[in-house]
C-alpha atoms as a PDB file:
ATOM      1  CA  MET A   1      37.643 -34.105   0.621  1.00  0.00           C
ATOM      2  CA  THR A   2      40.079 -32.060  -1.439  1.00  0.00           C
ATOM      3  CA  LYS A   3      43.668 -31.387  -0.480  1.00  0.00           C
ATOM      4  CA  THR A   4      42.787 -27.777   0.390  1.00  0.00           C
ATOM      5  CA  GLU A   5      39.987 -28.882   2.709  1.00  0.00           C
ATOM      6  CA  SER A   6      42.248 -31.534   4.221  1.00  0.00           C
ATOM      7  CA  LYS A   7      44.966 -28.992   4.972  1.00  0.00           C
ATOM      8  CA  THR A   8      42.425 -26.637   6.510  1.00  0.00           C
ATOM      9  CA  ALA A   9      41.010 -29.402   8.717  1.00  0.00           C
ATOM     10  CA  SER A  10      44.506 -30.526   9.692  1.00  0.00           C
ATOM     11  CA  ALA A  11      45.465 -26.981  10.608  1.00  0.00           C
ATOM     12  CA  ALA A  12      42.316 -26.584  12.700  1.00  0.00           C
ATOM     13  CA  VAL A  13      43.007 -29.841  14.561  1.00  0.00           C
ATOM     14  CA  ARG A  14      46.625 -28.838  15.151  1.00  0.00           C
ATOM     15  CA  ASP A  15      45.546 -25.442  16.497  1.00  0.00           C
ATOM     16  CA  ILE A  16      43.057 -27.030  18.893  1.00  0.00           C
ATOM     17  CA  LEU A  17      45.590 -29.567  20.135  1.00  0.00           C
ATOM     18  CA  LEU A  18      48.254 -26.915  20.709  1.00  0.00           C
ATOM     19  CA  SER A  19      46.001 -24.280  22.289  1.00  0.00           C
ATOM     20  CA  SER A  20      44.257 -26.374  24.904  1.00  0.00           C
ATOM     21  CA  PRO A  21      45.340 -29.051  27.373  1.00  0.00           C
ATOM     22  CA  ASP A  22      42.021 -30.773  26.607  1.00  0.00           C
ATOM     23  CA  GLY A  23      42.521 -30.390  22.870  1.00  0.00           C
ATOM     24  CA  LEU A  24      42.173 -34.071  22.035  1.00  0.00           C
ATOM     25  CA  HIS A  25      38.943 -34.225  24.030  1.00  0.00           C
ATOM     26  CA  GLU A  26      37.586 -31.259  22.060  1.00  0.00           C
ATOM     27  CA  VAL A  27      38.556 -32.822  18.718  1.00  0.00           C
ATOM     28  CA  ILE A  28      36.865 -36.116  19.625  1.00  0.00           C
ATOM     29  CA  ARG A  29      33.765 -34.282  20.892  1.00  0.00           C
ATOM     30  CA  ALA A  30      33.482 -32.246  17.685  1.00  0.00           C
ATOM     31  CA  VAL A  31      33.907 -35.313  15.451  1.00  0.00           C
ATOM     32  CA  MET A  32      31.364 -37.331  17.426  1.00  0.00           C
ATOM     33  CA  GLN A  33      28.859 -34.454  17.313  1.00  0.00           C
ATOM     34  CA  GLU A  34      29.200 -34.239  13.524  1.00  0.00           C
ATOM     35  CA  VAL A  35      28.710 -38.003  13.167  1.00  0.00           C
ATOM     36  CA  LEU A  36      25.605 -37.947  15.379  1.00  0.00           C
ATOM     37  CA  GLU A  37      24.162 -34.955  13.493  1.00  0.00           C
ATOM     38  CA  ALA A  38      24.678 -36.722  10.156  1.00  0.00           C
ATOM     39  CA  GLU A  39      22.995 -39.879  11.474  1.00  0.00           C
ATOM     40  CA  MET A  40      20.006 -37.882  12.756  1.00  0.00           C
ATOM     41  CA  ASP A  41      19.689 -35.998   9.452  1.00  0.00           C
ATOM     42  CA  GLU A  42      19.691 -39.286   7.557  1.00  0.00           C
ATOM     43  CA  ALA A  43      17.318 -41.100   9.922  1.00  0.00           C
ATOM     44  CA  LEU A  44      14.779 -38.272  10.091  1.00  0.00           C
ATOM     45  CA  GLY A  45      15.190 -36.920   6.585  1.00  0.00           C
ATOM     46  CA  ALA A  46      15.480 -33.380   7.952  1.00  0.00           C
ATOM     47  CA  SER A  47      18.172 -31.135   9.348  1.00  0.00           C
ATOM     48  CA  LYS A  48      17.806 -29.290  12.638  1.00  0.00           C
ATOM     49  CA  SER A  49      14.914 -26.796  12.523  1.00  0.00           C
ATOM     50  CA  GLU A  50      13.954 -27.970   9.032  1.00  0.00           C
ATOM     51  CA  ARG A  51      10.545 -28.936   7.727  1.00  0.00           C
ATOM     52  CA  THR A  52      10.137 -31.180   4.740  1.00  0.00           C
ATOM     53  CA  PRO A  53       7.012 -32.044   2.730  1.00  0.00           C
ATOM     54  CA  GLU A  54       6.927 -35.426   4.485  1.00  0.00           C
ATOM     55  CA  ARG A  55       7.584 -33.980   7.962  1.00  0.00           C
ATOM     56  CA  LEU A  56       5.342 -31.242   9.253  1.00  0.00           C
ATOM     57  CA  GLY A  57       7.170 -30.728  12.552  1.00  0.00           C
ATOM     58  CA  TYR A  58      10.674 -29.455  13.188  1.00  0.00           C
ATOM     59  CA  ARG A  59      13.566 -31.629  14.218  1.00  0.00           C
ATOM     60  CA  SER A  60      14.693 -30.654  17.706  1.00  0.00           C
ATOM     61  CA  GLY A  61      18.193 -29.332  18.099  1.00  0.00           C
ATOM     62  CA  TYR A  62      20.308 -28.504  21.094  1.00  0.00           C
ATOM     63  CA  THR A  63      21.693 -25.418  22.767  1.00  0.00           C
ATOM     64  CA  ALA A  64      25.477 -25.164  22.697  1.00  0.00           C
ATOM     65  CA  ALA A  65      25.466 -23.483  26.130  1.00  0.00           C
ATOM     66  CA  LEU A  66      24.073 -26.675  27.669  1.00  0.00           C
ATOM     67  CA  LEU A  67      26.889 -28.901  26.380  1.00  0.00           C
END
């Protein structure tokens, strides 16, 4: 991560924490979701809604409205 990206991420975290009483919960939720997505991508060898030559089906995703 570059310094510019780090500052941008830090600013986004600060904004979330200051704008919402549940800010820390939202930050943890977002980080955990990213970690889980990366693990699924690696395990399946495909991103959400992606087909690969080895995989003929799509990887299921989720609907943000249901979270």
